Every structure is written in C-alpha cells, then in structure tokens.
C-alpha atoms as a PDB file:
ATOM      1  CA  UNK A   1       0.315  12.746  15.425  1.00  0.00           C
ATOM      2  CA  UNK A   2      -1.402  12.384  18.547  1.00  0.00           C
ATOM      3  CA  UNK A   3      -4.844  11.644  17.384  1.00  0.00           C
ATOM      4  CA  UNK A   4      -4.433  10.225  13.858  1.00  0.00           C
ATOM      5  CA  UNK A   5      -6.020   7.194  13.265  1.00  0.00           C
ATOM      6  CA  UNK A   6      -4.053   5.000  11.264  1.00  0.00           C
ATOM      7  CA  UNK A   7      -6.327   3.920   7.940  1.00  0.00           C
ATOM      8  CA  UNK A   8      -4.223   2.054   5.730  1.00  0.00           C
ATOM      9  CA  UNK A   9      -2.154  -1.055   5.596  1.00  0.00           C
ATOM     10  CA  UNK A  10       1.154   0.019   5.024  1.00  0.00           C
ATOM     11  CA  UNK A  11       0.644   2.432   8.008  1.00  0.00           C
ATOM     12  CA  UNK A  12      -0.414  -0.453  10.189  1.00  0.00           C
ATOM     13  CA  UNK A  13       2.226  -2.477   9.306  1.00  0.00           C
ATOM     14  CA  UNK A  14       4.780   0.254  10.496  1.00  0.00           C
ATOM     15  CA  UNK A  15       3.385   1.299  12.788  1.00  0.00           C
ATOM     16  CA  UNK A  16       3.146  -2.508  14.441  1.00  0.00           C
ATOM     17  CA  UNK A  17       6.403  -2.995  13.321  1.00  0.00           C
ATOM     18  CA  UNK A  18       7.853  -0.171  15.010  1.00  0.00           C
ATOM     19  CA  UNK A  19       5.709  -1.074  18.121  1.00  0.00           C
ATOM     20  CA  UNK A  20       7.198  -4.497  18.575  1.00  0.00           C
ATOM     21  CA  UNK A  21      11.230  -2.807  17.541  1.00  0.00           C
ATOM     22  CA  UNK A  22      11.359  -5.428  14.450  1.00  0.00           C
ATOM     23  CA  UNK A  23      13.626  -4.115  11.576  1.00  0.00           C
ATOM     24  CA  UNK A  24      12.170  -4.555   8.169  1.00  0.00           C
ATOM     25  CA  UNK A  25      14.993  -7.467   7.400  1.00  0.00           C
ATOM     26  CA  UNK A  26      13.669  -9.295  10.318  1.00  0.00           C
ATOM     27  CA  UNK A  27      10.137  -9.282   9.383  1.00  0.00           C
ATOM     28  CA  UNK A  28      10.976 -10.577   6.204  1.00  0.00           C
ATOM     29  CA  UNK A  29      12.188 -13.583   7.632  1.00  0.00           C
ATOM     30  CA  UNK A  30       9.928 -14.010   9.582  1.00  0.00           C
ATOM     31  CA  UNK A  31       7.016 -13.988   6.792  1.00  0.00           C
ATOM     32  CA  UNK A  32       9.271 -15.833   4.137  1.00  0.00           C
ATOM     33  CA  UNK A  33       9.617 -12.296   1.817  1.00  0.00           C
ATOM     34  CA  UNK A  34      12.645  -9.987   1.497  1.00  0.00           C
ATOM     35  CA  UNK A  35      12.781  -6.548   3.363  1.00  0.00           C
ATOM     36  CA  UNK A  36      12.225  -4.917   0.200  1.00  0.00           C
ATOM     37  CA  UNK A  37       8.812  -6.304   0.075  1.00  0.00           C
ATOM     38  CA  UNK A  38       8.324  -4.973   3.353  1.00  0.00           C
ATOM     39  CA  UNK A  39       9.702  -1.839   2.755  1.00  0.00           C
ATOM     40  CA  UNK A  40       7.325  -1.742  -0.219  1.00  0.00           C
ATOM     41  CA  UNK A  41       4.493  -2.867   1.069  1.00  0.00           C
ATOM     42  CA  UNK A  42       5.007   0.033   4.462  1.00  0.00           C
ATOM     43  CA  UNK A  43       5.007   2.606   1.236  1.00  0.00           C
ATOM     44  CA  UNK A  44       2.179   1.561  -0.334  1.00  0.00           C
ATOM     45  CA  UNK A  45       3.605   0.192  -3.567  1.00  0.00           C
ATOM     46  CA  UNK A  46       3.286  -3.548  -3.405  1.00  0.00           C
ATOM     47  CA  UNK A  47      -0.003  -5.077  -2.230  1.00  0.00           C
ATOM     48  CA  UNK A  48       0.390  -8.265  -0.043  1.00  0.00           C
ATOM     49  CA  UNK A  49      -1.475 -11.299  -0.891  1.00  0.00           C
ATOM     50  CA  UNK A  50      -4.188 -13.063   1.730  1.00  0.00           C
ATOM     51  CA  UNK A  51      -1.786 -15.191   3.100  1.00  0.00           C
ATOM     52  CA  UNK A  52       1.354 -12.529   3.021  1.00  0.00           C
ATOM     53  CA  UNK A  53      -1.215 -10.657   5.644  1.00  0.00           C
ATOM     54  CA  UNK A  54      -1.498 -13.732   7.522  1.00  0.00           C
ATOM     55  CA  UNK A  55       1.695 -14.022   8.145  1.00  0.00           C
ATOM     56  CA  UNK A  56       2.052 -10.470   9.085  1.00  0.00           C
ATOM     57  CA  UNK A  57      -0.807 -10.403  11.150  1.00  0.00           C
ATOM     58  CA  UNK A  58       0.802 -13.519  12.802  1.00  0.00           C
ATOM     59  CA  UNK A  59       4.698 -12.285  13.186  1.00  0.00           C
ATOM     60  CA  UNK A  60       3.511  -8.887  14.193  1.00  0.00           C
ATOM     61  CA  UNK A  61       0.882 -10.296  16.737  1.00  0.00           C
ATOM     62  CA  UNK A  62      -2.191  -8.392  15.383  1.00  0.00           C
ATOM     63  CA  UNK A  63      -5.834  -9.082  14.540  1.00  0.00           C
ATOM     64  CA  UNK A  64      -5.625 -10.689  11.341  1.00  0.00           C
ATOM     65  CA  UNK A  65      -9.316  -9.784  10.285  1.00  0.00           C
ATOM     66  CA  UNK A  66      -8.514  -5.984  10.846  1.00  0.00           C
ATOM     67  CA  UNK A  67      -5.466  -6.330   8.700  1.00  0.00           C
ATOM     68  CA  UNK A  68      -7.282  -8.319   5.703  1.00  0.00           C
ATOM     69  CA  UNK A  69     -10.113  -5.455   6.019  1.00  0.00           C
ATOM     70  CA  UNK A  70      -7.194  -2.681   5.575  1.00  0.00           C
ATOM     71  CA  UNK A  71      -5.810  -4.466   2.920  1.00  0.00           C
ATOM     72  CA  UNK A  72      -9.340  -4.781   0.848  1.00  0.00           C
ATOM     73  CA  UNK A  73      -9.315  -8.580   0.728  1.00  0.00           C
END
C-alpha cells in the first residue's frame, strides 16, 4: 500500500488516529462520542455531522476542510 491514496473519510480518520497512536475509545472521549461511534465511522457504517468532523480535525490535528470534503459536507 505504498502509493495508495486515502480517498474516504473513514480511511483518513483511521490513518490519522494510527499516526497519532490514539485508541478508538480515547479519540471518542476527545470528541465527546463513544468509541463504538468512532469505530463505525472508520468502517464507513455511519456518517459524522459537520460539528463532529470539526472536532475530529482538531483532535487529530488535521485539515478541517479536507475532512469536510472527504465527508461530502
């Protein structure tokens, strides 16, 4: 997977969380949702609100515009 480009919000959240070495439950606490909700986001089973995308961007030190674009918001 050396040159594969992250194209979904789910993949991007998972990638950023792994880079920061943040657990699913820990990220959930950081953005005021359950670890299960974070897991569902990473699996593409649920879609985040714009507010949650902003919180995730802040917690993961990511570009909020990029995440909003990936989320189609």
